[in-house]
Amino acid sequence: MTPINLAEKLAQISTHWDPHVIAAYNGNDIMVVKFQGEFPYHLHENTDDFFLVLRGEMVMDLQGESHAVRTGEIFVVPQGVTHRPRADKECEVLLIEPKGEPNTGDLATASAKPHL
Protein backbone atom coordinates (compact mmCIF):
# COMPACT_ATOMS: atom_id res chain seq x y z
CA MET A 1 0.00 0.00 0.00
CA THR A 2 1.18 3.47 -0.85
CA PRO A 3 -0.35 6.94 -0.59
CA ILE A 4 -2.38 8.15 -3.56
CA ASN A 5 -1.55 11.61 -4.85
CA LEU A 6 -4.76 13.17 -6.18
CA ALA A 7 -2.97 15.83 -8.26
CA GLU A 8 -0.88 13.15 -9.99
CA LYS A 9 -3.97 11.09 -10.77
CA LEU A 10 -5.89 14.11 -12.08
CA ALA A 11 -2.93 15.08 -14.28
CA GLN A 12 -3.45 11.79 -16.14
CA ILE A 13 -7.00 12.74 -17.14
CA SER A 14 -7.53 14.87 -20.24
CA THR A 15 -11.28 14.41 -20.72
CA HIS A 16 -14.36 15.71 -18.93
CA TRP A 17 -17.13 13.70 -17.25
CA ASP A 18 -15.07 10.47 -17.30
CA PRO A 19 -14.56 9.24 -13.73
CA HIS A 20 -11.40 7.23 -13.05
CA VAL A 21 -11.20 4.84 -10.09
CA ILE A 22 -8.20 5.50 -7.85
CA ALA A 23 -9.08 3.32 -4.83
CA ALA A 24 -11.68 1.02 -3.31
CA TYR A 25 -13.20 1.56 0.13
CA ASN A 26 -15.74 -0.75 1.79
CA GLY A 27 -17.37 -1.74 -1.49
CA ASN A 28 -17.20 1.78 -2.90
CA ASP A 29 -15.18 3.21 -5.77
CA ILE A 30 -13.24 6.38 -4.99
CA MET A 31 -12.85 8.29 -8.23
CA VAL A 32 -11.46 11.52 -9.60
CA VAL A 33 -12.98 13.36 -12.53
CA LYS A 34 -12.81 16.68 -14.33
CA PHE A 35 -16.02 18.60 -14.97
CA GLN A 36 -16.61 21.26 -17.60
CA GLY A 37 -19.91 22.11 -19.25
CA GLU A 38 -23.15 20.40 -18.27
CA PHE A 39 -23.80 16.78 -17.40
CA PRO A 40 -27.30 15.45 -18.23
CA TYR A 41 -30.00 15.45 -15.59
CA HIS A 42 -30.20 11.99 -14.02
CA LEU A 43 -30.89 10.19 -10.75
CA HIS A 44 -29.68 7.21 -8.77
CA GLU A 45 -32.61 5.14 -7.53
CA ASN A 46 -30.79 3.26 -4.75
CA THR A 47 -27.77 5.28 -3.69
CA ASP A 48 -26.77 8.80 -2.67
CA ASP A 49 -24.30 10.68 -4.91
CA PHE A 50 -21.18 12.16 -3.22
CA PHE A 51 -19.15 15.07 -4.65
CA LEU A 52 -16.06 16.75 -3.13
CA VAL A 53 -14.70 19.67 -5.14
CA LEU A 54 -10.90 19.50 -5.06
CA ARG A 55 -10.23 22.50 -7.29
CA GLY A 56 -12.52 25.06 -8.91
CA GLU A 57 -16.25 25.43 -8.62
CA MET A 58 -19.25 23.47 -9.83
CA VAL A 59 -22.98 24.02 -9.61
CA MET A 60 -25.38 21.27 -8.61
CA ASP A 61 -28.76 21.75 -10.24
CA LEU A 62 -31.72 20.08 -8.59
CA GLN A 63 -35.35 20.43 -9.53
CA GLY A 64 -36.14 24.08 -8.78
CA GLU A 65 -32.83 25.01 -7.14
CA SER A 66 -29.10 25.33 -7.79
CA HIS A 67 -26.16 25.23 -5.37
CA ALA A 68 -22.61 26.48 -5.94
CA VAL A 69 -20.05 23.98 -4.62
CA ARG A 70 -16.56 25.41 -4.23
CA THR A 71 -13.08 24.05 -3.54
CA GLY A 72 -13.09 22.07 -0.31
CA GLU A 73 -16.88 21.68 -0.19
CA ILE A 74 -18.95 18.50 -0.32
CA PHE A 75 -22.40 18.04 -1.84
CA VAL A 76 -24.43 14.86 -1.31
CA VAL A 77 -27.47 14.25 -3.52
CA PRO A 78 -29.92 11.89 -1.80
CA GLN A 79 -31.01 8.79 -3.68
CA GLY A 80 -33.92 9.28 -6.03
CA VAL A 81 -33.31 13.03 -6.49
CA THR A 82 -32.89 14.24 -10.08
CA HIS A 83 -29.73 16.32 -10.42
CA ARG A 84 -27.16 17.72 -12.83
CA PRO A 85 -23.63 18.88 -12.06
CA ARG A 86 -22.19 21.60 -14.27
CA ALA A 87 -19.12 23.82 -14.36
CA ASP A 88 -18.43 26.92 -16.44
CA LYS A 89 -14.67 26.38 -16.03
CA GLU A 90 -12.88 23.09 -15.53
CA CYS A 91 -13.03 21.82 -11.98
CA GLU A 92 -11.65 18.70 -10.33
CA VAL A 93 -13.90 16.50 -8.23
CA LEU A 94 -13.59 13.41 -6.04
CA LEU A 95 -16.57 11.03 -6.21
CA ILE A 96 -17.51 8.09 -4.00
CA GLU A 97 -20.02 5.58 -5.36
CA PRO A 98 -20.86 1.95 -4.68
CA LYS A 99 -18.80 -0.29 -6.94
CA GLY A 100 -20.69 -0.83 -10.20
CA GLU A 101 -23.04 2.17 -9.82
CA PRO A 102 -23.35 3.85 -13.25
CA ASN A 103 -22.48 7.55 -13.19
CA THR A 104 -25.71 8.37 -15.02
CA GLY A 105 -27.83 6.02 -12.95
CA ASP A 106 -28.36 3.94 -16.14
CA LEU A 107 -25.90 1.33 -17.45
CA ALA A 108 -26.92 2.07 -21.05
CA THR A 109 -25.66 5.69 -20.88
CA ALA A 110 -22.90 5.44 -18.26
CA SER A 111 -19.21 6.15 -18.76
CA ALA A 112 -16.68 3.41 -18.27
CA LYS A 113 -14.73 3.77 -15.01
CA PRO A 114 -11.14 2.89 -15.83
CA HIS A 115 -8.64 2.41 -12.98
CA LEU A 116 -5.65 4.74 -12.74
C-alpha atoms as a PDB file:
ATOM      1  CA  MET A   1       0.000   0.000   0.000  1.00  0.00           C
ATOM      2  CA  THR A   2       1.180   3.471  -0.854  1.00  0.00           C
ATOM      3  CA  PRO A   3      -0.353   6.940  -0.588  1.00  0.00           C
ATOM      4  CA  ILE A   4      -2.378   8.149  -3.556  1.00  0.00           C
ATOM      5  CA  ASN A   5      -1.546  11.608  -4.855  1.00  0.00           C
ATOM      6  CA  LEU A   6      -4.758  13.169  -6.184  1.00  0.00           C
ATOM      7  CA  ALA A   7      -2.973  15.828  -8.259  1.00  0.00           C
ATOM      8  CA  GLU A   8      -0.883  13.152  -9.994  1.00  0.00           C
ATOM      9  CA  LYS A   9      -3.969  11.089 -10.775  1.00  0.00           C
ATOM     10  CA  LEU A  10      -5.890  14.106 -12.080  1.00  0.00           C
ATOM     11  CA  ALA A  11      -2.934  15.082 -14.284  1.00  0.00           C
ATOM     12  CA  GLN A  12      -3.448  11.788 -16.139  1.00  0.00           C
ATOM     13  CA  ILE A  13      -7.002  12.739 -17.137  1.00  0.00           C
ATOM     14  CA  SER A  14      -7.527  14.874 -20.245  1.00  0.00           C
ATOM     15  CA  THR A  15     -11.281  14.410 -20.723  1.00  0.00           C
ATOM     16  CA  HIS A  16     -14.364  15.710 -18.926  1.00  0.00           C
ATOM     17  CA  TRP A  17     -17.128  13.704 -17.246  1.00  0.00           C
ATOM     18  CA  ASP A  18     -15.067  10.474 -17.304  1.00  0.00           C
ATOM     19  CA  PRO A  19     -14.564   9.240 -13.728  1.00  0.00           C
ATOM     20  CA  HIS A  20     -11.400   7.229 -13.046  1.00  0.00           C
ATOM     21  CA  VAL A  21     -11.196   4.837 -10.090  1.00  0.00           C
ATOM     22  CA  ILE A  22      -8.205   5.500  -7.852  1.00  0.00           C
ATOM     23  CA  ALA A  23      -9.078   3.323  -4.834  1.00  0.00           C
ATOM     24  CA  ALA A  24     -11.680   1.024  -3.309  1.00  0.00           C
ATOM     25  CA  TYR A  25     -13.196   1.565   0.134  1.00  0.00           C
ATOM     26  CA  ASN A  26     -15.741  -0.749   1.788  1.00  0.00           C
ATOM     27  CA  GLY A  27     -17.371  -1.739  -1.493  1.00  0.00           C
ATOM     28  CA  ASN A  28     -17.198   1.779  -2.905  1.00  0.00           C
ATOM     29  CA  ASP A  29     -15.177   3.211  -5.774  1.00  0.00           C
ATOM     30  CA  ILE A  30     -13.245   6.380  -4.986  1.00  0.00           C
ATOM     31  CA  MET A  31     -12.852   8.293  -8.235  1.00  0.00           C
ATOM     32  CA  VAL A  32     -11.455  11.525  -9.604  1.00  0.00           C
ATOM     33  CA  VAL A  33     -12.980  13.361 -12.529  1.00  0.00           C
ATOM     34  CA  LYS A  34     -12.809  16.682 -14.328  1.00  0.00           C
ATOM     35  CA  PHE A  35     -16.021  18.602 -14.971  1.00  0.00           C
ATOM     36  CA  GLN A  36     -16.605  21.264 -17.599  1.00  0.00           C
ATOM     37  CA  GLY A  37     -19.908  22.106 -19.250  1.00  0.00           C
ATOM     38  CA  GLU A  38     -23.154  20.405 -18.271  1.00  0.00           C
ATOM     39  CA  PHE A  39     -23.802  16.775 -17.396  1.00  0.00           C
ATOM     40  CA  PRO A  40     -27.296  15.455 -18.230  1.00  0.00           C
ATOM     41  CA  TYR A  41     -30.004  15.446 -15.586  1.00  0.00           C
ATOM     42  CA  HIS A  42     -30.201  11.989 -14.022  1.00  0.00           C
ATOM     43  CA  LEU A  43     -30.887  10.189 -10.749  1.00  0.00           C
ATOM     44  CA  HIS A  44     -29.681   7.206  -8.775  1.00  0.00           C
ATOM     45  CA  GLU A  45     -32.609   5.135  -7.531  1.00  0.00           C
ATOM     46  CA  ASN A  46     -30.791   3.265  -4.752  1.00  0.00           C
ATOM     47  CA  THR A  47     -27.773   5.283  -3.692  1.00  0.00           C
ATOM     48  CA  ASP A  48     -26.769   8.798  -2.675  1.00  0.00           C
ATOM     49  CA  ASP A  49     -24.300  10.683  -4.912  1.00  0.00           C
ATOM     50  CA  PHE A  50     -21.181  12.163  -3.216  1.00  0.00           C
ATOM     51  CA  PHE A  51     -19.147  15.074  -4.653  1.00  0.00           C
ATOM     52  CA  LEU A  52     -16.057  16.748  -3.128  1.00  0.00           C
ATOM     53  CA  VAL A  53     -14.697  19.671  -5.137  1.00  0.00           C
ATOM     54  CA  LEU A  54     -10.899  19.498  -5.056  1.00  0.00           C
ATOM     55  CA  ARG A  55     -10.232  22.504  -7.289  1.00  0.00           C
ATOM     56  CA  GLY A  56     -12.516  25.061  -8.911  1.00  0.00           C
ATOM     57  CA  GLU A  57     -16.254  25.426  -8.619  1.00  0.00           C
ATOM     58  CA  MET A  58     -19.253  23.467  -9.835  1.00  0.00           C
ATOM     59  CA  VAL A  59     -22.978  24.021  -9.615  1.00  0.00           C
ATOM     60  CA  MET A  60     -25.376  21.270  -8.613  1.00  0.00           C
ATOM     61  CA  ASP A  61     -28.757  21.748 -10.245  1.00  0.00           C
ATOM     62  CA  LEU A  62     -31.716  20.075  -8.586  1.00  0.00           C
ATOM     63  CA  GLN A  63     -35.354  20.429  -9.526  1.00  0.00           C
ATOM     64  CA  GLY A  64     -36.137  24.078  -8.784  1.00  0.00           C
ATOM     65  CA  GLU A  65     -32.828  25.013  -7.141  1.00  0.00           C
ATOM     66  CA  SER A  66     -29.102  25.326  -7.792  1.00  0.00           C
ATOM     67  CA  HIS A  67     -26.161  25.226  -5.375  1.00  0.00           C
ATOM     68  CA  ALA A  68     -22.610  26.479  -5.938  1.00  0.00           C
ATOM     69  CA  VAL A  69     -20.051  23.980  -4.616  1.00  0.00           C
ATOM     70  CA  ARG A  70     -16.560  25.412  -4.227  1.00  0.00           C
ATOM     71  CA  THR A  71     -13.078  24.049  -3.543  1.00  0.00           C
ATOM     72  CA  GLY A  72     -13.090  22.068  -0.306  1.00  0.00           C
ATOM     73  CA  GLU A  73     -16.875  21.677  -0.193  1.00  0.00           C
ATOM     74  CA  ILE A  74     -18.954  18.500  -0.325  1.00  0.00           C
ATOM     75  CA  PHE A  75     -22.396  18.043  -1.835  1.00  0.00           C
ATOM     76  CA  VAL A  76     -24.435  14.864  -1.310  1.00  0.00           C
ATOM     77  CA  VAL A  77     -27.471  14.250  -3.516  1.00  0.00           C
ATOM     78  CA  PRO A  78     -29.924  11.888  -1.801  1.00  0.00           C
ATOM     79  CA  GLN A  79     -31.008   8.792  -3.678  1.00  0.00           C
ATOM     80  CA  GLY A  80     -33.917   9.282  -6.028  1.00  0.00           C
ATOM     81  CA  VAL A  81     -33.307  13.029  -6.489  1.00  0.00           C
ATOM     82  CA  THR A  82     -32.888  14.237 -10.076  1.00  0.00           C
ATOM     83  CA  HIS A  83     -29.734  16.319 -10.422  1.00  0.00           C
ATOM     84  CA  ARG A  84     -27.165  17.717 -12.834  1.00  0.00           C
ATOM     85  CA  PRO A  85     -23.631  18.885 -12.058  1.00  0.00           C
ATOM     86  CA  ARG A  86     -22.186  21.602 -14.269  1.00  0.00           C
ATOM     87  CA  ALA A  87     -19.119  23.816 -14.359  1.00  0.00           C
ATOM     88  CA  ASP A  88     -18.428  26.919 -16.440  1.00  0.00           C
ATOM     89  CA  LYS A  89     -14.668  26.382 -16.027  1.00  0.00           C
ATOM     90  CA  GLU A  90     -12.882  23.090 -15.532  1.00  0.00           C
ATOM     91  CA  CYS A  91     -13.029  21.817 -11.981  1.00  0.00           C
ATOM     92  CA  GLU A  92     -11.646  18.697 -10.325  1.00  0.00           C
ATOM     93  CA  VAL A  93     -13.899  16.499  -8.226  1.00  0.00           C
ATOM     94  CA  LEU A  94     -13.592  13.414  -6.041  1.00  0.00           C
ATOM     95  CA  LEU A  95     -16.566  11.028  -6.210  1.00  0.00           C
ATOM     96  CA  ILE A  96     -17.506   8.089  -3.997  1.00  0.00           C
ATOM     97  CA  GLU A  97     -20.025   5.581  -5.361  1.00  0.00           C
ATOM     98  CA  PRO A  98     -20.861   1.952  -4.676  1.00  0.00           C
ATOM     99  CA  LYS A  99     -18.803  -0.292  -6.939  1.00  0.00           C
ATOM    100  CA  GLY A 100     -20.686  -0.826 -10.201  1.00  0.00           C
ATOM    101  CA  GLU A 101     -23.037   2.168  -9.822  1.00  0.00           C
ATOM    102  CA  PRO A 102     -23.347   3.848 -13.253  1.00  0.00           C
ATOM    103  CA  ASN A 103     -22.476   7.554 -13.194  1.00  0.00           C
ATOM    104  CA  THR A 104     -25.710   8.373 -15.024  1.00  0.00           C
ATOM    105  CA  GLY A 105     -27.835   6.019 -12.947  1.00  0.00           C
ATOM    106  CA  ASP A 106     -28.362   3.938 -16.137  1.00  0.00           C
ATOM    107  CA  LEU A 107     -25.896   1.328 -17.454  1.00  0.00           C
ATOM    108  CA  ALA A 108     -26.917   2.071 -21.048  1.00  0.00           C
ATOM    109  CA  THR A 109     -25.662   5.694 -20.881  1.00  0.00           C
ATOM    110  CA  ALA A 110     -22.904   5.437 -18.260  1.00  0.00           C
ATOM    111  CA  SER A 111     -19.213   6.154 -18.765  1.00  0.00           C
ATOM    112  CA  ALA A 112     -16.677   3.407 -18.272  1.00  0.00           C
ATOM    113  CA  LYS A 113     -14.734   3.769 -15.014  1.00  0.00           C
ATOM    114  CA  PRO A 114     -11.136   2.887 -15.831  1.00  0.00           C
ATOM    115  CA  HIS A 115      -8.636   2.412 -12.983  1.00  0.00           C
ATOM    116  CA  LEU A 116      -5.648   4.738 -12.738  1.00  0.00           C
END
